[in-house]
């Protein structure tokens, strides 16, 4: 094990570390969606095997849709229903942002840019070969990670709130008692989407700046 790994070009460590945190927090958030989806079927006594099978047969897009639908079907209180719909909007933002970053390729700043920014390039879509470029600072990447983590934690808090509300106290773990007086979390507001550029960056390297400043 050496601190020099990797020897190939991947960008600054703090950029890559932030991307790793984004990926891990998103995966934890995604996992909680099934727990959220399975809550009402579990209370209604539906076989867990069937709930698992139906969930795993769907795409991520349809899983999010199914969470909305299951709450629309079984939730009688408008406040939790509003929370879930806002949460799914928030998760969609997390999913879009994570996918934009994780499906991108490092674009070396030797072609321009400044050291504090991470430069990425990706296809516009599966059907379009045009490239789009994403430029983010360390602080922006960490802010994305924090927002995803916040969504994950609020989802977990809501699941605990639902269990305390809907499951008989004698069936709840004793540790849930410390959450008994907690209110339902407030609905989340979805952040703005990150935007791509149709050019590599707005930060030309110094030698190009100097060339553009030469008298003709």
Protein backbone atom coordinates (compact mmCIF):
# COMPACT_ATOMS: atom_id res chain seq x y z
CA UNK A 1 0.00 0.00 0.00
CA UNK A 2 1.40 3.37 -0.99
CA UNK A 3 0.15 6.93 -0.74
CA UNK A 4 1.30 7.48 -4.32
CA UNK A 5 -1.55 5.35 -5.72
CA UNK A 6 -2.92 5.84 -8.31
CA UNK A 7 -0.03 6.60 -10.62
CA UNK A 8 -2.40 7.46 -13.46
CA UNK A 9 -4.23 10.76 -13.80
CA UNK A 10 -7.55 11.00 -11.88
CA UNK A 11 -7.58 14.55 -10.60
CA UNK A 12 -7.06 16.00 -7.16
CA UNK A 13 -7.65 13.75 -4.14
CA UNK A 14 -10.12 16.08 -2.48
CA UNK A 15 -12.23 16.08 -5.64
CA UNK A 16 -12.16 12.28 -5.87
CA UNK A 17 -12.82 11.92 -2.14
CA UNK A 18 -15.93 14.10 -2.49
CA UNK A 19 -17.12 11.98 -5.43
CA UNK A 20 -16.70 8.86 -3.28
CA UNK A 21 -18.77 10.37 -0.47
CA UNK A 22 -21.46 11.32 -2.98
CA UNK A 23 -21.58 7.76 -4.29
CA UNK A 24 -21.76 6.12 -0.85
CA UNK A 25 -24.37 8.52 0.56
CA UNK A 26 -26.51 8.09 -2.54
CA UNK A 27 -26.37 4.29 -2.29
CA UNK A 28 -27.53 4.47 1.34
CA UNK A 29 -30.37 6.82 0.39
CA UNK A 30 -31.39 4.53 -2.46
CA UNK A 31 -31.47 1.54 -0.11
CA UNK A 32 -33.81 3.39 2.27
CA UNK A 33 -36.37 3.80 -0.51
CA UNK A 34 -37.26 0.12 -0.30
CA UNK A 35 -37.73 0.38 3.47
CA UNK A 36 -40.05 3.31 2.87
CA UNK A 37 -41.94 1.47 0.14
CA UNK A 38 -42.33 -1.69 2.24
CA UNK A 39 -43.79 0.11 5.28
CA UNK A 40 -47.49 0.15 4.38
CA UNK A 41 -47.48 -3.35 2.80
CA UNK A 42 -45.85 -4.63 6.00
CA UNK A 43 -48.49 -2.99 8.20
CA UNK A 44 -51.18 -4.51 5.96
CA UNK A 45 -49.64 -7.97 6.37
CA UNK A 46 -48.54 -8.47 2.77
CA UNK A 47 -45.94 -11.24 2.27
CA UNK A 48 -42.45 -9.73 2.38
CA UNK A 49 -41.29 -12.06 -0.41
CA UNK A 50 -43.86 -10.60 -2.82
CA UNK A 51 -43.00 -7.04 -1.81
CA UNK A 52 -39.30 -7.78 -2.39
CA UNK A 53 -39.97 -9.44 -5.74
CA UNK A 54 -42.12 -6.63 -7.09
CA UNK A 55 -39.65 -3.96 -5.98
CA UNK A 56 -36.59 -5.66 -7.44
CA UNK A 57 -38.30 -6.21 -10.80
CA UNK A 58 -38.59 -2.46 -11.41
CA UNK A 59 -36.22 0.14 -12.76
CA UNK A 60 -35.07 2.92 -10.42
CA UNK A 61 -37.47 5.33 -12.13
CA UNK A 62 -40.41 3.02 -11.53
CA UNK A 63 -39.33 2.32 -7.95
CA UNK A 64 -39.60 6.03 -7.17
CA UNK A 65 -42.98 6.06 -8.88
CA UNK A 66 -44.06 3.05 -6.81
CA UNK A 67 -43.19 4.79 -3.53
CA UNK A 68 -45.47 7.65 -4.54
CA UNK A 69 -48.22 5.23 -5.56
CA UNK A 70 -48.12 3.08 -2.42
CA UNK A 71 -48.46 6.15 -0.21
CA UNK A 72 -51.22 7.56 -2.40
CA UNK A 73 -53.03 4.24 -1.99
CA UNK A 74 -52.65 3.69 1.75
CA UNK A 75 -51.77 6.99 3.44
CA UNK A 76 -54.81 8.78 4.87
CA UNK A 77 -52.98 11.75 6.41
CA UNK A 78 -52.14 14.51 3.87
CA UNK A 79 -49.00 15.65 5.74
CA UNK A 80 -47.01 12.39 5.34
CA UNK A 81 -48.22 12.13 1.75
CA UNK A 82 -46.89 15.62 1.04
CA UNK A 83 -43.60 14.72 2.73
CA UNK A 84 -43.18 11.60 0.59
CA UNK A 85 -43.91 13.42 -2.66
CA UNK A 86 -41.37 16.12 -1.77
CA UNK A 87 -38.89 13.44 -0.69
CA UNK A 88 -39.23 11.66 -4.04
CA UNK A 89 -38.64 14.97 -5.84
CA UNK A 90 -35.53 15.41 -3.71
CA UNK A 91 -34.37 11.87 -4.45
CA UNK A 92 -34.84 12.51 -8.17
CA UNK A 93 -32.46 15.46 -7.82
CA UNK A 94 -29.94 13.27 -5.98
CA UNK A 95 -30.23 10.57 -8.62
CA UNK A 96 -29.82 12.99 -11.52
CA UNK A 97 -26.84 14.71 -9.89
CA UNK A 98 -25.12 11.47 -8.92
CA UNK A 99 -25.62 10.03 -12.41
CA UNK A 100 -24.28 13.16 -14.10
CA UNK A 101 -21.09 12.92 -12.04
CA UNK A 102 -20.55 9.17 -11.95
CA UNK A 103 -21.14 8.73 -15.66
CA UNK A 104 -18.63 11.41 -16.52
CA UNK A 105 -14.98 11.20 -17.50
CA UNK A 106 -12.16 13.25 -16.04
CA UNK A 107 -11.17 16.08 -18.38
CA UNK A 108 -7.57 17.05 -17.53
CA UNK A 109 -7.04 20.70 -16.69
CA UNK A 110 -3.96 20.70 -18.92
CA UNK A 111 -6.46 21.81 -21.55
CA UNK A 112 -7.35 24.81 -19.43
CA UNK A 113 -8.89 25.63 -16.10
CA UNK A 114 -7.79 26.21 -12.54
CA UNK A 115 -6.51 23.75 -9.94
CA UNK A 116 -9.41 24.16 -7.51
CA UNK A 117 -11.97 22.92 -10.04
CA UNK A 118 -12.85 19.44 -11.23
CA UNK A 119 -13.49 19.27 -14.97
CA UNK A 120 -15.63 16.45 -16.32
CA UNK A 121 -16.93 15.48 -19.75
CA UNK A 122 -19.78 13.15 -20.70
CA UNK A 123 -22.15 12.34 -23.54
CA UNK A 124 -25.27 14.47 -23.58
CA UNK A 125 -27.34 11.25 -23.50
CA UNK A 126 -27.29 7.66 -24.70
CA UNK A 127 -28.88 8.81 -27.94
CA UNK A 128 -26.70 11.89 -28.47
CA UNK A 129 -22.96 11.82 -29.03
CA UNK A 130 -22.49 15.52 -28.29
CA UNK A 131 -20.43 16.25 -25.22
CA UNK A 132 -21.37 18.30 -22.22
CA UNK A 133 -18.89 19.59 -19.67
CA UNK A 134 -19.31 19.88 -15.90
CA UNK A 135 -17.13 22.13 -13.77
CA UNK A 136 -17.30 22.03 -9.97
CA UNK A 137 -15.14 23.21 -7.09
CA UNK A 138 -14.34 21.11 -4.02
CA UNK A 139 -16.85 23.14 -2.02
CA UNK A 140 -19.57 22.53 -4.61
CA UNK A 141 -18.88 18.80 -4.63
CA UNK A 142 -18.99 18.66 -0.85
CA UNK A 143 -22.22 20.63 -0.84
CA UNK A 144 -23.75 18.02 -3.18
CA UNK A 145 -22.57 15.25 -0.85
CA UNK A 146 -24.05 17.08 2.16
CA UNK A 147 -27.39 17.53 0.40
CA UNK A 148 -27.59 13.83 -0.49
CA UNK A 149 -26.67 12.88 3.08
CA UNK A 150 -29.34 15.26 4.38
CA UNK A 151 -31.97 13.59 2.19
CA UNK A 152 -30.89 10.16 3.39
CA UNK A 153 -31.13 11.21 7.06
CA UNK A 154 -34.51 12.86 6.65
CA UNK A 155 -35.79 9.74 4.90
CA UNK A 156 -34.53 7.59 7.80
CA UNK A 157 -36.14 9.93 10.35
CA UNK A 158 -39.44 9.72 8.48
CA UNK A 159 -39.29 5.91 8.44
CA UNK A 160 -38.79 5.90 12.22
CA UNK A 161 -41.70 8.34 12.62
CA UNK A 162 -43.94 6.06 10.52
CA UNK A 163 -43.00 3.00 12.53
CA UNK A 164 -43.71 4.70 15.84
CA UNK A 165 -47.05 5.88 14.47
CA UNK A 166 -48.20 2.65 12.82
CA UNK A 167 -46.63 -0.29 14.65
CA UNK A 168 -47.79 -1.33 18.14
CA UNK A 169 -45.38 -0.15 20.82
CA UNK A 170 -44.79 -3.68 22.10
CA UNK A 171 -43.46 -4.66 18.66
CA UNK A 172 -41.04 -1.75 18.38
CA UNK A 173 -37.42 -2.04 19.53
CA UNK A 174 -36.93 -0.43 22.93
CA UNK A 175 -34.41 2.00 21.39
CA UNK A 176 -37.24 3.64 19.45
CA UNK A 177 -38.51 5.13 22.70
CA UNK A 178 -36.06 8.03 22.46
CA UNK A 179 -37.75 9.07 19.20
CA UNK A 180 -41.33 8.77 20.47
CA UNK A 181 -41.84 12.52 20.93
CA UNK A 182 -40.09 13.56 17.70
CA UNK A 183 -42.31 15.35 15.16
CA UNK A 184 -42.53 14.30 11.55
CA UNK A 185 -39.67 15.85 9.54
CA UNK A 186 -40.45 18.94 7.52
CA UNK A 187 -40.90 18.48 3.73
CA UNK A 188 -37.67 18.91 1.79
CA UNK A 189 -37.08 21.57 -0.85
CA UNK A 190 -35.39 20.28 -3.98
CA UNK A 191 -32.10 22.03 -4.91
CA UNK A 192 -31.45 23.42 -8.37
CA UNK A 193 -29.95 21.03 -10.89
CA UNK A 194 -26.28 21.29 -11.73
CA UNK A 195 -25.79 22.57 -15.25
CA UNK A 196 -23.41 21.48 -17.96
CA UNK A 197 -21.56 23.59 -20.49
CA UNK A 198 -21.20 23.12 -24.23
CA UNK A 199 -17.50 24.02 -23.90
CA UNK A 200 -14.79 22.62 -21.61
CA UNK A 201 -14.57 25.57 -19.21
CA UNK A 202 -14.69 29.30 -18.71
CA UNK A 203 -11.12 29.38 -17.37
CA UNK A 204 -8.61 29.45 -20.26
CA UNK A 205 -5.04 28.57 -19.25
CA UNK A 206 -2.61 31.40 -18.59
CA UNK A 207 -0.64 30.89 -21.82
CA UNK A 208 -3.84 31.34 -23.86
CA UNK A 209 -4.72 34.43 -21.86
CA UNK A 210 -1.26 35.85 -22.60
CA UNK A 211 -1.57 35.00 -26.28
CA UNK A 212 -4.95 36.73 -26.49
CA UNK A 213 -3.44 39.83 -24.89
CA UNK A 214 -0.59 40.15 -27.41
CA UNK A 215 -0.75 43.21 -29.65
CA UNK A 216 -1.48 42.36 -33.24
